[in-house]
Amino acid sequence: MAHKLKPFITAEQIAERNQSLGREIAASYDGGTQLVCICVLKGAFLFFADIIRKIDREIEVDFVRLASYGSATSRSEDIVFSKDLEISIEGKDVLVIEDIVDTGHSMDFLLHVLRRRNPKSLKICALIDKQERRQKDVHVEFAGFKLNEGFIVGYGLDYDERYRELDGIYELSTE
C-alpha cells in the first residue's frame, strides 16, 4: 500500500504556535505550586520536548505510556498503563501533554487515574484537538491546533510507527 503525504502544518507554524502556547500555559498558573508536565508516550515526545522549553517557569517532568487493547481499527475502552509516573503529583499543578485528543477514551482514563492522586489542578495540553470522533467529554485547555477531520502524521504522530520523525504535520492518504 502506497502512502501519500500532503503538507498540512509546517514546522514553522508549529514553532510559532509552540511559542505562544508556552506563554499561555505559563500565564495560566500562579507561581505558588510546582508545575508537573507529564508527557504521554510515544506520540507526544517531540511536542513535549519543544513545548516545555517554551514554558517560562520551573517545572518537573515525568512520563506515562498507555496501552489500549482491542482491534487495530477502533480505540478500545480497555486501557492500561504500560509506564506509570515516577513522581508524586499530590498537591501540585499537573499539565498532561498529549499529541492528539481524538475519541477522548485514553485521556478520560488517564485523567480519572490522575485525579485519584490528588493534584491541585489537572489540565490538558494537546498538539491536536480533534473533535470529529470525540466520544468522551474531555476538555483540552491548551490546544496547539484544532482539527475536525483527516488522518495526520508527523511531529510525533504516527501511522504504524512510521512518520514520527517528520518536522511538520502531514495528511496521510493511501492510494
Protein backbone atom coordinates (compact mmCIF):
# COMPACT_ATOMS: atom_id res chain seq x y z
CA MET A 1 0.00 0.00 0.00
CA ALA A 2 1.46 3.36 -1.06
CA HIS A 3 1.07 6.37 1.19
CA LYS A 4 0.75 9.92 0.02
CA LEU A 5 1.75 12.73 2.39
CA LYS A 6 0.23 16.15 1.83
CA PRO A 7 1.72 19.06 3.85
CA PHE A 8 -0.79 20.22 6.44
CA ILE A 9 1.02 22.20 9.19
CA THR A 10 4.60 23.33 8.57
CA ALA A 11 7.47 23.13 11.06
CA GLU A 12 7.48 26.95 11.14
CA GLN A 13 3.77 27.09 12.03
CA ILE A 14 4.33 24.54 14.79
CA ALA A 15 7.27 26.53 16.20
CA GLU A 16 5.25 29.76 16.19
CA ARG A 17 2.29 28.10 17.88
CA ASN A 18 4.51 26.44 20.48
CA GLN A 19 5.95 29.86 21.38
CA SER A 20 2.52 31.40 22.01
CA LEU A 21 1.19 28.24 23.65
CA GLY A 22 4.11 28.25 26.09
CA ARG A 23 3.26 31.83 27.07
CA GLU A 24 -0.43 30.91 27.54
CA ILE A 25 0.49 27.98 29.76
CA ALA A 26 2.95 29.95 31.91
CA ALA A 27 0.44 32.79 32.38
CA SER A 28 -2.33 30.43 33.48
CA TYR A 29 -0.50 29.16 36.56
CA ASP A 30 0.43 31.14 39.65
CA GLY A 31 3.93 30.62 40.92
CA GLY A 32 2.87 29.17 44.26
CA THR A 33 2.68 25.50 43.32
CA GLN A 34 5.06 23.22 41.49
CA LEU A 35 4.01 22.51 37.89
CA VAL A 36 4.41 18.91 36.76
CA CYS A 37 4.39 18.36 33.00
CA ILE A 38 3.51 14.81 32.02
CA CYS A 39 4.38 13.50 28.57
CA VAL A 40 2.09 10.84 27.13
CA LEU A 41 4.38 8.48 25.21
CA LYS A 42 5.07 7.79 22.42
CA GLY A 43 3.33 10.34 20.26
CA ALA A 44 3.85 13.47 22.35
CA PHE A 45 7.62 13.20 22.80
CA LEU A 46 8.64 15.78 20.15
CA PHE A 47 5.88 18.24 21.07
CA PHE A 48 6.65 17.75 24.77
CA ALA A 49 10.36 18.47 24.32
CA ASP A 50 9.60 21.65 22.40
CA ILE A 51 6.71 22.97 24.49
CA ILE A 52 8.30 22.56 27.94
CA ARG A 53 11.19 24.76 26.79
CA LYS A 54 8.65 27.50 25.99
CA ILE A 55 7.01 27.46 29.44
CA ASP A 56 8.81 30.21 31.33
CA ARG A 57 8.65 28.78 34.83
CA GLU A 58 10.21 26.00 36.85
CA ILE A 59 8.71 22.59 36.09
CA GLU A 60 9.07 18.93 36.92
CA VAL A 61 8.73 16.36 34.14
CA ASP A 62 7.52 12.79 34.07
CA PHE A 63 6.23 10.31 31.52
CA VAL A 64 3.34 7.88 31.16
CA ARG A 65 2.54 5.39 28.47
CA LEU A 66 -0.89 3.97 27.87
CA ALA A 67 -1.81 0.83 26.00
CA SER A 68 -5.25 0.07 24.71
CA TYR A 69 -6.30 -3.40 23.81
CA GLY A 70 -8.76 -4.07 21.04
CA SER A 71 -8.87 -4.10 17.28
CA ALA A 72 -6.42 -2.00 15.31
CA THR A 73 -9.23 -0.01 13.72
CA SER A 74 -11.04 1.17 16.83
CA ARG A 75 -9.97 2.52 20.19
CA SER A 76 -10.89 0.08 22.91
CA GLU A 77 -12.07 1.15 26.31
CA ASP A 78 -9.67 -1.41 27.84
CA ILE A 79 -6.80 0.95 28.61
CA VAL A 80 -3.93 0.23 30.98
CA PHE A 81 -0.68 1.88 31.99
CA SER A 82 2.38 0.37 30.43
CA LYS A 83 4.51 3.05 32.14
CA ASP A 84 3.32 4.91 35.23
CA LEU A 85 4.52 8.14 36.84
CA GLU A 86 7.63 8.05 38.98
CA ILE A 87 6.95 11.24 40.97
CA SER A 88 4.11 12.26 43.26
CA ILE A 89 1.62 14.79 41.91
CA GLU A 90 -0.27 15.29 45.16
CA GLY A 91 -0.94 18.99 45.79
CA LYS A 92 0.77 20.04 42.54
CA ASP A 93 -0.48 21.64 39.35
CA VAL A 94 -0.39 18.99 36.63
CA LEU A 95 -0.30 19.57 32.88
CA VAL A 96 -0.78 16.47 30.74
CA ILE A 97 0.88 16.95 27.35
CA GLU A 98 -0.54 14.77 24.59
CA ASP A 99 -0.06 14.57 20.83
CA ILE A 100 -3.73 14.28 19.88
CA VAL A 101 -7.03 14.06 21.72
CA ASP A 102 -9.42 12.27 19.40
CA THR A 103 -12.15 10.00 20.83
CA GLY A 104 -11.12 11.02 24.34
CA HIS A 105 -11.05 7.46 25.73
CA SER A 106 -7.33 7.42 26.61
CA MET A 107 -7.36 10.91 28.07
CA ASP A 108 -10.54 10.23 30.06
CA PHE A 109 -8.89 7.13 31.54
CA LEU A 110 -5.68 8.99 32.37
CA LEU A 111 -7.47 11.94 33.96
CA HIS A 112 -9.54 9.59 36.11
CA VAL A 113 -6.38 7.86 37.37
CA LEU A 114 -4.53 11.13 38.00
CA ARG A 115 -7.45 12.75 39.87
CA ARG A 116 -7.26 9.96 42.46
CA ARG A 117 -3.69 11.12 43.20
CA ASN A 118 -4.98 14.50 44.47
CA PRO A 119 -3.28 17.09 42.27
CA LYS A 120 -4.04 20.75 42.97
CA SER A 121 -5.13 21.17 39.35
CA LEU A 122 -5.21 18.99 36.25
CA LYS A 123 -5.20 20.38 32.70
CA ILE A 124 -4.56 19.08 29.18
CA CYS A 125 -2.30 20.49 26.50
CA ALA A 126 -2.61 18.75 23.14
CA LEU A 127 -0.82 19.42 19.90
CA ILE A 128 -4.03 18.47 18.07
CA ASP A 129 -7.55 18.76 19.49
CA LYS A 130 -9.63 16.67 17.09
CA GLN A 131 -13.37 16.84 17.68
CA GLU A 132 -14.54 14.65 14.77
CA ARG A 133 -14.76 11.36 16.72
CA ARG A 134 -14.93 12.63 20.33
CA GLN A 135 -16.89 10.17 22.45
CA LYS A 136 -15.84 11.25 25.94
CA ASP A 137 -16.37 14.69 27.45
CA VAL A 138 -12.72 15.71 27.60
CA HIS A 139 -11.75 19.39 27.53
CA VAL A 140 -8.39 20.43 26.11
CA GLU A 141 -7.40 23.66 27.89
CA PHE A 142 -4.39 24.33 25.67
CA ALA A 143 -4.75 23.25 22.04
CA GLY A 144 -1.96 23.71 19.55
CA PHE A 145 -4.27 23.22 16.59
CA LYS A 146 -7.94 22.28 16.32
CA LEU A 147 -8.85 19.80 13.64
CA ASN A 148 -12.21 18.47 12.55
CA GLU A 149 -11.27 15.61 10.27
CA GLY A 150 -8.42 13.89 8.47
CA PHE A 151 -5.68 11.42 9.28
CA ILE A 152 -2.41 13.15 10.12
CA VAL A 153 1.18 12.06 10.75
CA GLY A 154 4.48 13.69 11.59
CA TYR A 155 5.96 15.58 14.55
CA GLY A 156 5.47 12.52 16.77
CA LEU A 157 2.18 11.36 15.24
CA ASP A 158 2.50 8.02 13.50
CA TYR A 159 0.90 5.52 11.24
CA ASP A 160 2.05 2.01 12.19
CA GLU A 161 5.14 3.51 13.93
CA ARG A 162 6.15 5.41 10.78
CA TYR A 163 6.48 9.16 10.09
CA ARG A 164 7.05 10.30 13.72
CA GLU A 165 10.36 11.93 12.74
CA LEU A 166 8.86 14.43 10.27
CA ASP A 167 9.26 18.04 11.40
CA GLY A 168 5.86 19.09 10.08
CA ILE A 169 2.40 17.54 10.11
CA TYR A 170 1.06 15.86 7.00
CA GLU A 171 -2.28 14.50 5.94
CA LEU A 172 -1.86 10.83 5.08
CA SER A 173 -3.82 9.13 2.34
CA THR A 174 -3.49 5.71 0.80
CA GLU A 175 -3.58 5.04 -2.90
